[in-house]
Amino acid sequence: MPVCKNCKEEWRWIETIKKSLTLATGMTCPYCGKKQYLTAACRKKSSLSILLIPLVMLIAILFDNSSPFFLFFLIGTGVLVVCIQPFIMELSDDEEPLW
């Protein structure tokens, strides 16, 4: 779980999910109110984990699988990616460039 760099409090899982589903670049700490940003390494890991969804779609196209099992597997992969995100999140006080 992410830890605020200002107050050193660990965020709860549900708080992290709520904060990460916004499009804002920074997230406000629920404990101290200071703005926190994802580290560059964390953003790279997150983008790689999100690539699992198109990969599952590509595999289904290659194997010509149009069964309901594929749809269940695709939705399950999406839910898994969202649920895992808080565990790979790392916070920083400053917004770091990716490169």
C-alpha atoms as a PDB file:
ATOM      1  CA  MET A   1       0.000   0.000   0.000  1.00  0.00           C
ATOM      2  CA  PRO A   2       1.236   3.521  -0.653  1.00  0.00           C
ATOM      3  CA  VAL A   3       2.665   5.529   2.225  1.00  0.00           C
ATOM      4  CA  CYS A   4       2.389   9.336   2.372  1.00  0.00           C
ATOM      5  CA  LYS A   5       5.841  10.916   2.213  1.00  0.00           C
ATOM      6  CA  ASN A   6       4.687  13.787   4.416  1.00  0.00           C
ATOM      7  CA  CYS A   7       2.879  12.153   7.381  1.00  0.00           C
ATOM      8  CA  LYS A   8       4.164   8.556   6.853  1.00  0.00           C
ATOM      9  CA  GLU A   9       0.615   7.123   7.092  1.00  0.00           C
ATOM     10  CA  GLU A  10      -0.195   4.056   5.030  1.00  0.00           C
ATOM     11  CA  TRP A  11      -3.283   4.509   2.870  1.00  0.00           C
ATOM     12  CA  ARG A  12      -6.057   1.943   3.072  1.00  0.00           C
ATOM     13  CA  TRP A  13      -6.847  -0.155  -0.015  1.00  0.00           C
ATOM     14  CA  ILE A  14     -10.263   1.415  -0.678  1.00  0.00           C
ATOM     15  CA  GLU A  15      -8.846   4.952  -0.313  1.00  0.00           C
ATOM     16  CA  THR A  16      -6.130   4.126  -2.792  1.00  0.00           C
ATOM     17  CA  ILE A  17      -8.604   2.729  -5.323  1.00  0.00           C
ATOM     18  CA  LYS A  18     -10.796   5.840  -5.040  1.00  0.00           C
ATOM     19  CA  LYS A  19      -7.833   8.192  -5.438  1.00  0.00           C
ATOM     20  CA  SER A  20      -6.343   6.271  -8.356  1.00  0.00           C
ATOM     21  CA  LEU A  21      -9.569   6.285 -10.397  1.00  0.00           C
ATOM     22  CA  THR A  22      -9.406  10.061 -10.877  1.00  0.00           C
ATOM     23  CA  LEU A  23      -7.713  11.714 -13.832  1.00  0.00           C
ATOM     24  CA  ALA A  24      -5.847  14.266 -11.706  1.00  0.00           C
ATOM     25  CA  THR A  25      -2.055  14.134 -11.708  1.00  0.00           C
ATOM     26  CA  GLY A  26      -1.789  14.338  -7.939  1.00  0.00           C
ATOM     27  CA  MET A  27      -3.696  12.691  -5.111  1.00  0.00           C
ATOM     28  CA  THR A  28      -4.461  14.353  -1.794  1.00  0.00           C
ATOM     29  CA  CYS A  29      -3.465  12.397   1.299  1.00  0.00           C
ATOM     30  CA  PRO A  30      -6.587  11.487   3.299  1.00  0.00           C
ATOM     31  CA  TYR A  31      -4.663  11.985   6.561  1.00  0.00           C
ATOM     32  CA  CYS A  32      -2.620  15.189   6.199  1.00  0.00           C
ATOM     33  CA  GLY A  33      -4.164  16.742   3.065  1.00  0.00           C
ATOM     34  CA  LYS A  34      -0.838  17.195   1.260  1.00  0.00           C
ATOM     35  CA  LYS A  35      -0.733  16.484  -2.466  1.00  0.00           C
ATOM     36  CA  GLN A  36       1.118  13.287  -3.399  1.00  0.00           C
ATOM     37  CA  TYR A  37       2.254  12.083  -6.831  1.00  0.00           C
ATOM     38  CA  LEU A  38       3.038   8.669  -8.251  1.00  0.00           C
ATOM     39  CA  THR A  39       6.736   8.000  -8.738  1.00  0.00           C
ATOM     40  CA  ALA A  40       8.053   7.549 -12.262  1.00  0.00           C
ATOM     41  CA  ALA A  41       8.873   3.880 -11.563  1.00  0.00           C
ATOM     42  CA  CYS A  42       5.345   3.281 -10.298  1.00  0.00           C
ATOM     43  CA  ARG A  43       3.797   4.872 -13.399  1.00  0.00           C
ATOM     44  CA  LYS A  44       5.922   2.618 -15.607  1.00  0.00           C
ATOM     45  CA  LYS A  45       4.863  -0.497 -13.665  1.00  0.00           C
ATOM     46  CA  SER A  46       1.217   0.568 -13.837  1.00  0.00           C
ATOM     47  CA  SER A  47       1.319   1.060 -17.579  1.00  0.00           C
ATOM     48  CA  LEU A  48       2.846  -2.393 -18.015  1.00  0.00           C
ATOM     49  CA  SER A  49       0.170  -4.022 -15.871  1.00  0.00           C
ATOM     50  CA  ILE A  50      -2.580  -2.289 -17.849  1.00  0.00           C
ATOM     51  CA  LEU A  51      -1.146  -3.806 -21.043  1.00  0.00           C
ATOM     52  CA  LEU A  52      -2.420  -7.190 -19.829  1.00  0.00           C
ATOM     53  CA  ILE A  53      -5.932  -6.312 -20.993  1.00  0.00           C
ATOM     54  CA  PRO A  54      -5.063  -5.740 -24.689  1.00  0.00           C
ATOM     55  CA  LEU A  55      -2.793  -8.801 -24.523  1.00  0.00           C
ATOM     56  CA  VAL A  56      -5.757 -10.950 -23.465  1.00  0.00           C
ATOM     57  CA  MET A  57      -7.783  -9.474 -26.317  1.00  0.00           C
ATOM     58  CA  LEU A  58      -4.995 -10.221 -28.805  1.00  0.00           C
ATOM     59  CA  ILE A  59      -4.725 -13.823 -27.632  1.00  0.00           C
ATOM     60  CA  ALA A  60      -8.468 -14.256 -28.083  1.00  0.00           C
ATOM     61  CA  ILE A  61      -8.289 -12.870 -31.621  1.00  0.00           C
ATOM     62  CA  LEU A  62      -5.358 -15.111 -32.538  1.00  0.00           C
ATOM     63  CA  PHE A  63      -7.172 -18.207 -31.303  1.00  0.00           C
ATOM     64  CA  ASP A  64     -10.515 -17.067 -32.734  1.00  0.00           C
ATOM     65  CA  ASN A  65     -12.156 -17.459 -29.365  1.00  0.00           C
ATOM     66  CA  SER A  66     -15.538 -15.732 -29.165  1.00  0.00           C
ATOM     67  CA  SER A  67     -16.953 -17.782 -26.324  1.00  0.00           C
ATOM     68  CA  PRO A  68     -18.469 -16.344 -23.128  1.00  0.00           C
ATOM     69  CA  PHE A  69     -15.410 -17.720 -21.324  1.00  0.00           C
ATOM     70  CA  PHE A  70     -13.270 -15.119 -23.107  1.00  0.00           C
ATOM     71  CA  LEU A  71     -15.547 -12.293 -21.955  1.00  0.00           C
ATOM     72  CA  PHE A  72     -15.399 -13.577 -18.374  1.00  0.00           C
ATOM     73  CA  PHE A  73     -11.604 -13.852 -18.611  1.00  0.00           C
ATOM     74  CA  LEU A  74     -11.307 -10.322 -20.029  1.00  0.00           C
ATOM     75  CA  ILE A  75     -13.458  -8.809 -17.277  1.00  0.00           C
ATOM     76  CA  GLY A  76     -11.573 -10.821 -14.667  1.00  0.00           C
ATOM     77  CA  THR A  77      -8.245  -9.536 -15.987  1.00  0.00           C
ATOM     78  CA  GLY A  78      -9.502  -5.949 -15.815  1.00  0.00           C
ATOM     79  CA  VAL A  79     -10.708  -6.366 -12.239  1.00  0.00           C
ATOM     80  CA  LEU A  80      -7.436  -8.046 -11.264  1.00  0.00           C
ATOM     81  CA  VAL A  81      -5.384  -5.173 -12.694  1.00  0.00           C
ATOM     82  CA  VAL A  82      -7.466  -2.589 -10.798  1.00  0.00           C
ATOM     83  CA  CYS A  83      -7.229  -4.570  -7.547  1.00  0.00           C
ATOM     84  CA  ILE A  84      -3.459  -5.010  -7.789  1.00  0.00           C
ATOM     85  CA  GLN A  85      -2.708  -1.343  -8.550  1.00  0.00           C
ATOM     86  CA  PRO A  86      -2.689  -0.160  -4.886  1.00  0.00           C
ATOM     87  CA  PHE A  87      -0.028  -2.736  -4.013  1.00  0.00           C
ATOM     88  CA  ILE A  88       2.422  -1.399  -6.608  1.00  0.00           C
ATOM     89  CA  MET A  89       1.772   2.296  -5.917  1.00  0.00           C
ATOM     90  CA  GLU A  90       4.620   4.404  -4.559  1.00  0.00           C
ATOM     91  CA  LEU A  91       4.164   8.066  -3.684  1.00  0.00           C
ATOM     92  CA  SER A  92       6.401  11.101  -3.902  1.00  0.00           C
ATOM     93  CA  ASP A  93       6.130  14.735  -2.777  1.00  0.00           C
ATOM     94  CA  ASP A  94       7.134  15.975  -6.230  1.00  0.00           C
ATOM     95  CA  GLU A  95       5.940  15.033  -9.691  1.00  0.00           C
ATOM     96  CA  GLU A  96       8.779  13.137 -11.339  1.00  0.00           C
ATOM     97  CA  PRO A  97       9.325  13.084 -15.116  1.00  0.00           C
ATOM     98  CA  LEU A  98       9.047   9.694 -16.787  1.00  0.00           C
ATOM     99  CA  TRP A  99      12.367   9.949 -18.629  1.00  0.00           C
END
